[in-house]
Amino acid sequence: MCNMMSLDLKKTLYEVHPSFVELERIKSMSVSDSTLDRLAGKVHALNQEKKQRLRKLQDLGGTLIELWSLTDTPLDEQKCFDHVTSLISVSQNTVMPQGCLSHDLIKKRLRSRD
């Protein structure tokens, strides 16, 4: 999930509990129930953010297709937005390419729409 949203995994884990960042050096670790609850909460929050970002890009992709239809935009001009329009029919549980839901990508596409 962190890869497709271009989030730093170590930073995300550190926000849950600083010791998660040190897991590479530690062979075994005991995790408290409260830490597991925070981790579950973080996963839930990331899933919600993923859904929201996907919806934004799907809406943007639908708008692009409508606009192209109205303006008879050539296919070669449409191709540079394939990474957005290809997400229109993607379900939320589909494995997606790295960075496809990055916040910077969404902001960039929304700015280019204005």
Protein backbone atom coordinates (compact mmCIF):
# COMPACT_ATOMS: atom_id res chain seq x y z
CA MET A 1 0.00 0.00 0.00
CA CYS A 2 2.80 2.41 0.86
CA ASN A 3 4.41 1.77 -2.55
CA MET A 4 1.32 2.57 -4.60
CA MET A 5 0.68 5.74 -2.58
CA SER A 6 4.39 6.72 -2.57
CA LEU A 7 4.59 6.77 1.23
CA ASP A 8 7.73 6.05 3.23
CA LEU A 9 7.15 2.66 4.89
CA LYS A 10 9.70 3.26 7.66
CA LYS A 11 8.16 6.63 8.52
CA THR A 12 4.69 5.10 8.52
CA LEU A 13 5.79 2.29 10.84
CA TYR A 14 7.68 4.74 13.05
CA GLU A 15 4.44 6.69 13.54
CA VAL A 16 2.88 3.51 14.96
CA HIS A 17 5.84 2.59 17.16
CA PRO A 18 9.50 3.69 16.87
CA SER A 19 10.82 0.17 17.51
CA PHE A 20 9.32 -1.07 14.21
CA VAL A 21 12.02 0.82 12.33
CA GLU A 22 14.69 -1.20 14.13
CA LEU A 23 13.22 -4.57 13.12
CA GLU A 24 16.07 -5.20 10.69
CA ARG A 25 18.51 -5.44 13.62
CA ILE A 26 16.24 -7.26 16.08
CA LYS A 27 15.64 -10.99 15.63
CA SER A 28 12.49 -11.19 17.72
CA MET A 29 10.27 -8.65 19.35
CA SER A 30 7.27 -8.69 21.64
CA VAL A 31 4.48 -6.37 20.53
CA SER A 32 1.86 -5.11 22.96
CA ASP A 33 -1.86 -5.22 22.27
CA SER A 34 -2.00 -1.43 22.16
CA THR A 35 0.75 -1.34 19.53
CA LEU A 36 -1.11 -3.94 17.47
CA ASP A 37 -4.26 -1.83 17.79
CA ARG A 38 -2.37 1.26 16.56
CA LEU A 39 -0.95 -0.76 13.67
CA ALA A 40 -4.41 -2.03 12.74
CA GLY A 41 -5.69 1.55 12.94
CA LYS A 42 -2.91 2.74 10.64
CA VAL A 43 -3.66 -0.02 8.11
CA HIS A 44 -7.35 0.93 8.21
CA ALA A 45 -6.51 4.63 7.71
CA LEU A 46 -4.23 3.79 4.78
CA ASN A 47 -6.96 1.67 3.20
CA GLN A 48 -9.40 4.58 3.50
CA GLU A 49 -6.85 6.95 1.97
CA LYS A 50 -6.23 4.47 -0.86
CA LYS A 51 -9.97 4.30 -1.60
CA GLN A 52 -10.26 8.08 -1.58
CA ARG A 53 -7.29 8.56 -3.91
CA LEU A 54 -8.54 5.86 -6.28
CA ARG A 55 -11.99 7.48 -6.40
CA LYS A 56 -10.44 10.87 -7.21
CA LEU A 57 -8.41 9.41 -10.06
CA GLN A 58 -11.38 7.39 -11.35
CA ASP A 59 -13.52 10.54 -11.37
CA LEU A 60 -10.76 12.45 -13.12
CA GLY A 61 -10.36 9.66 -15.68
CA GLY A 62 -14.09 9.64 -16.39
CA THR A 63 -14.06 13.41 -16.84
CA LEU A 64 -11.12 13.15 -19.24
CA ILE A 65 -12.91 10.56 -21.37
CA GLU A 66 -16.05 12.73 -21.53
CA LEU A 67 -13.96 15.75 -22.51
CA TRP A 68 -12.08 13.81 -25.17
CA SER A 69 -15.36 12.59 -26.62
CA LEU A 70 -16.73 16.14 -26.81
CA THR A 71 -13.57 17.57 -28.35
CA ASP A 72 -12.65 14.63 -30.60
CA THR A 73 -9.19 14.48 -29.02
CA PRO A 74 -6.76 12.31 -31.03
CA LEU A 75 -5.66 9.02 -29.46
CA ASP A 76 -2.00 10.04 -29.43
CA GLU A 77 -2.87 13.00 -27.16
CA GLN A 78 -4.94 10.73 -24.90
CA LYS A 79 -2.12 8.22 -24.41
CA CYS A 80 -0.16 10.46 -22.04
CA PHE A 81 -3.05 10.03 -19.57
CA ASP A 82 -3.29 6.23 -19.84
CA HIS A 83 -2.04 5.86 -16.26
CA VAL A 84 -5.14 7.76 -15.09
CA THR A 85 -7.78 6.31 -17.42
CA SER A 86 -6.53 2.77 -16.86
CA LEU A 87 -7.64 3.06 -13.21
CA ILE A 88 -11.31 3.75 -14.06
CA SER A 89 -12.40 0.12 -13.88
CA VAL A 90 -9.92 -1.00 -11.21
CA SER A 91 -11.41 -2.35 -7.99
CA GLN A 92 -10.04 -1.20 -4.65
CA ASN A 93 -8.56 -4.64 -3.96
CA THR A 94 -6.53 -4.79 -7.17
CA VAL A 95 -2.75 -4.69 -6.90
CA MET A 96 -1.67 -1.48 -8.60
CA PRO A 97 1.68 -0.19 -9.87
CA GLN A 98 4.05 1.69 -7.59
CA GLY A 99 3.22 5.39 -7.27
CA CYS A 100 -0.06 5.20 -9.17
CA LEU A 101 -1.95 6.69 -6.21
CA SER A 102 0.71 9.12 -5.05
CA HIS A 103 -0.59 12.38 -3.64
CA ASP A 104 1.75 14.35 -5.92
CA LEU A 105 0.40 12.60 -9.03
CA ILE A 106 -3.20 13.37 -8.07
CA LYS A 107 -2.42 17.03 -7.32
CA LYS A 108 -0.53 17.35 -10.61
CA ARG A 109 -3.41 15.86 -12.60
CA LEU A 110 -5.99 18.02 -10.85
CA ARG A 111 -3.91 21.16 -11.52
CA SER A 112 -3.59 20.27 -15.20
CA ARG A 113 -7.38 19.95 -15.34
CA ASP A 114 -7.90 23.58 -14.27
